[in-house]
Protein backbone atom coordinates (compact mmCIF):
# COMPACT_ATOMS: atom_id res chain seq x y z
CA MET A 1 36.91 4.27 -64.61
CA ILE A 2 34.79 6.58 -66.74
CA THR A 3 31.69 8.05 -65.12
CA LEU A 4 28.99 10.16 -66.73
CA GLY A 5 26.84 12.71 -64.92
CA ILE A 6 23.64 13.82 -66.64
CA ASP A 7 21.43 16.69 -65.49
CA LEU A 8 18.42 16.43 -67.77
CA SER A 9 16.65 19.61 -68.85
CA LEU A 10 14.47 20.53 -71.79
CA THR A 11 16.39 23.78 -72.28
CA GLY A 12 19.94 22.92 -71.20
CA THR A 13 20.95 19.34 -70.42
CA GLY A 14 24.31 19.18 -68.68
CA CYS A 15 26.68 16.26 -69.28
CA VAL A 16 30.03 15.72 -67.56
CA VAL A 17 32.48 12.88 -68.19
CA MET A 18 35.05 11.94 -65.55
CA LYS A 19 37.96 9.56 -65.70
CA GLY A 20 39.57 8.66 -62.41
CA GLY A 21 37.51 11.33 -60.65
CA LYS A 22 38.77 14.15 -62.90
CA MET A 23 36.58 15.91 -65.44
CA THR A 24 37.68 15.13 -68.98
CA ASP A 25 34.74 16.59 -70.89
CA ASN A 26 31.55 18.55 -70.43
CA LYS A 27 28.72 19.52 -72.72
CA LEU A 28 25.63 21.67 -72.45
CA ILE A 29 22.88 20.56 -74.82
CA LYS A 30 20.63 23.53 -75.53
CA SER A 31 17.15 23.09 -76.93
CA LYS A 32 14.12 25.21 -77.74
CA PRO A 33 10.61 24.14 -78.67
CA SER A 34 9.82 24.28 -82.37
CA GLY A 35 6.23 23.93 -83.46
CA GLY A 36 3.27 23.06 -81.33
CA ARG A 37 2.48 19.56 -82.56
CA PRO A 38 3.04 16.47 -80.41
CA ILE A 39 5.52 15.14 -83.00
CA ASP A 40 7.58 18.31 -82.57
CA GLU A 41 7.80 17.67 -78.81
CA LEU A 42 8.83 14.07 -79.43
CA ASN A 43 11.49 15.07 -81.97
CA ARG A 44 12.92 17.61 -79.51
CA ILE A 45 13.20 14.98 -76.78
CA ILE A 46 14.81 12.45 -79.11
CA LYS A 47 17.30 15.07 -80.34
CA ILE A 48 18.38 15.85 -76.77
CA ARG A 49 18.74 12.13 -75.98
CA ASP A 50 20.78 11.53 -79.11
CA GLU A 51 23.17 14.40 -78.33
CA ILE A 52 24.14 12.85 -75.00
CA GLU A 53 27.48 11.21 -75.67
CA ILE A 54 27.69 8.03 -73.67
CA SER A 55 31.09 6.87 -75.03
CA ASP A 56 32.92 4.46 -72.75
CA ALA A 57 31.05 5.21 -69.52
CA LYS A 58 31.05 2.43 -66.96
CA ILE A 59 28.32 4.10 -64.91
CA ALA A 60 25.92 6.95 -65.57
CA VAL A 61 24.34 9.04 -62.83
CA ILE A 62 21.14 10.89 -63.69
CA GLU A 63 19.41 13.51 -61.58
CA GLY A 64 15.89 12.42 -60.76
CA LEU A 65 12.84 14.49 -61.50
CA ALA A 66 11.83 17.45 -59.38
CA PHE A 67 8.19 16.65 -58.74
CA MET A 68 7.48 20.11 -57.39
CA ALA A 69 7.51 21.52 -60.91
CA ARG A 70 4.46 23.67 -61.64
CA ASN A 71 4.38 23.17 -65.40
CA THR A 72 2.90 19.69 -65.85
CA THR A 73 3.49 19.69 -69.62
CA SER A 74 7.21 20.23 -69.06
CA LEU A 75 7.25 17.58 -66.34
CA ILE A 76 5.69 15.05 -68.71
CA GLN A 77 8.21 15.89 -71.43
CA LEU A 78 11.09 15.73 -68.95
CA SER A 79 9.82 12.35 -67.75
CA ALA A 80 9.89 11.09 -71.34
CA LEU A 81 13.45 12.38 -71.79
CA ASN A 82 14.47 10.71 -68.53
CA TYR A 83 13.17 7.34 -69.66
CA PHE A 84 14.53 7.66 -73.20
CA VAL A 85 17.99 8.23 -71.71
CA ARG A 86 17.55 5.25 -69.38
CA GLU A 87 16.58 3.14 -72.40
CA LYS A 88 19.70 4.25 -74.31
CA LEU A 89 21.91 3.34 -71.35
CA SER A 90 20.16 0.00 -70.91
CA ILE A 91 20.61 -0.90 -74.59
CA LEU A 92 24.32 -0.12 -74.23
CA SER A 93 24.49 -2.18 -70.99
CA ILE A 94 25.67 0.82 -68.98
CA PRO A 95 24.47 0.72 -65.38
CA PHE A 96 22.78 3.89 -64.18
CA VAL A 97 21.78 5.39 -60.87
CA ILE A 98 19.03 7.94 -60.27
CA VAL A 99 19.86 10.62 -57.70
CA ALA A 100 17.17 12.77 -56.13
CA PRO A 101 17.86 16.53 -56.42
CA THR A 102 17.99 16.78 -52.61
CA SER A 103 20.58 13.97 -52.43
CA LEU A 104 22.76 15.68 -55.03
CA LYS A 105 22.65 18.92 -53.05
CA LYS A 106 23.40 17.09 -49.82
CA PHE A 107 26.40 15.35 -51.40
CA VAL A 108 27.90 18.60 -52.69
CA THR A 109 26.92 21.14 -50.00
CA GLY A 110 26.05 19.04 -46.96
CA LYS A 111 22.40 20.18 -47.06
CA GLY A 112 19.59 18.89 -49.24
CA ASN A 113 17.86 22.23 -49.70
CA SER A 114 20.74 24.33 -51.03
CA PRO A 115 19.99 26.94 -53.72
CA LYS A 116 21.70 26.86 -57.12
CA ASP A 117 24.22 29.58 -56.27
CA LEU A 118 25.41 27.63 -53.23
CA MET A 119 25.87 24.53 -55.39
CA LEU A 120 28.06 26.54 -57.77
CA LEU A 121 30.10 27.94 -54.88
CA ALA A 122 30.48 24.60 -53.06
CA THR A 123 31.59 22.88 -56.27
CA TYR A 124 34.28 25.49 -56.75
CA LYS A 125 35.43 25.40 -53.12
CA LYS A 126 35.44 21.59 -52.78
CA TYR A 127 36.62 20.53 -56.20
CA GLY A 128 38.17 23.61 -57.78
CA GLU A 129 35.76 23.46 -60.72
CA TYR A 130 34.08 26.69 -61.80
CA PHE A 131 30.79 26.65 -63.69
CA THR A 132 28.57 29.48 -64.84
CA ASN A 133 25.75 27.07 -65.69
CA ASP A 134 23.91 25.23 -62.92
CA ASN A 135 23.06 22.28 -65.20
CA LEU A 136 26.75 21.63 -65.87
CA CYS A 137 27.51 22.10 -62.18
CA ASP A 138 24.86 19.53 -61.24
CA ALA A 139 26.16 17.14 -63.91
CA TYR A 140 29.63 17.49 -62.37
CA GLY A 141 28.25 16.59 -58.93
CA LEU A 142 26.45 13.61 -60.41
CA ALA A 143 29.61 12.39 -62.16
CA LYS A 144 31.47 12.80 -58.86
CA ILE A 145 28.85 10.63 -57.15
CA GLY A 146 29.36 8.03 -59.88
CA HIS A 147 33.09 8.07 -59.29
CA VAL A 148 32.66 7.62 -55.53
CA LEU A 149 30.21 4.75 -56.05
CA THR A 150 32.88 2.85 -57.96
CA GLN A 151 35.57 3.31 -55.30
CA LYS A 152 36.39 1.08 -52.36
CA ASN A 153 36.35 2.91 -49.04
CA PRO A 154 36.36 6.51 -50.31
CA LYS A 155 37.02 9.25 -47.78
CA LEU A 156 33.74 11.10 -47.33
CA ILE A 157 32.14 13.47 -44.88
CA LYS A 158 28.99 12.27 -43.09
CA PRO A 159 26.37 13.80 -45.46
CA GLN A 160 28.20 12.37 -48.48
CA GLN A 161 28.40 8.92 -46.88
CA GLU A 162 24.66 9.02 -46.16
CA VAL A 163 23.93 9.77 -49.82
CA ILE A 164 26.28 7.05 -51.05
CA ASN A 165 24.77 4.50 -48.66
CA LEU A 166 21.33 5.20 -50.17
CA LEU A 167 22.60 4.91 -53.73
CA LYS A 168 24.66 1.75 -53.26
CA LYS A 169 21.46 -0.31 -53.39
CA GLN A 170 20.86 0.90 -56.94
CA TYR A 171 24.44 0.32 -58.06
CA GLU A 172 25.41 -2.94 -56.42
CA LYS A 173 25.77 -5.67 -58.98
CA LYS A 174 23.33 -8.48 -58.62
């Protein structure tokens, strides 16, 4: 099964594709503001959304918004990007799950308040995948969560199982 992990960012959106739990592709979508008009902001968000390659994903896992952000303008733009991506997935009939940043950290490191460098280290130690970009690292963790959600009786440690139990409600088919 193909899973897609998406760590949305206005400056560097990370996307990771997995097949059978193994990474088959990754992409960092870089973006910079251009112009100060509202239409320029909208075009930037649409461009990021359009560069996310959905392909044959059977599930997409998106990191939820960090509401502690201090820059409200960026938070509003990131919210728009988040919903534009959800819309794209919905149109393509691809189920998606939203994972809180603390749940992603808990799944990968065992603790929900882990700093970025610990996420990078834990991803390397647990999965043998080395990233120099935290957005790609987070996207990898999200894709891994997607893979686990699609498995029957996966072997997980307690913090991972707690995260999966929370997310199953979003994923279970109605």
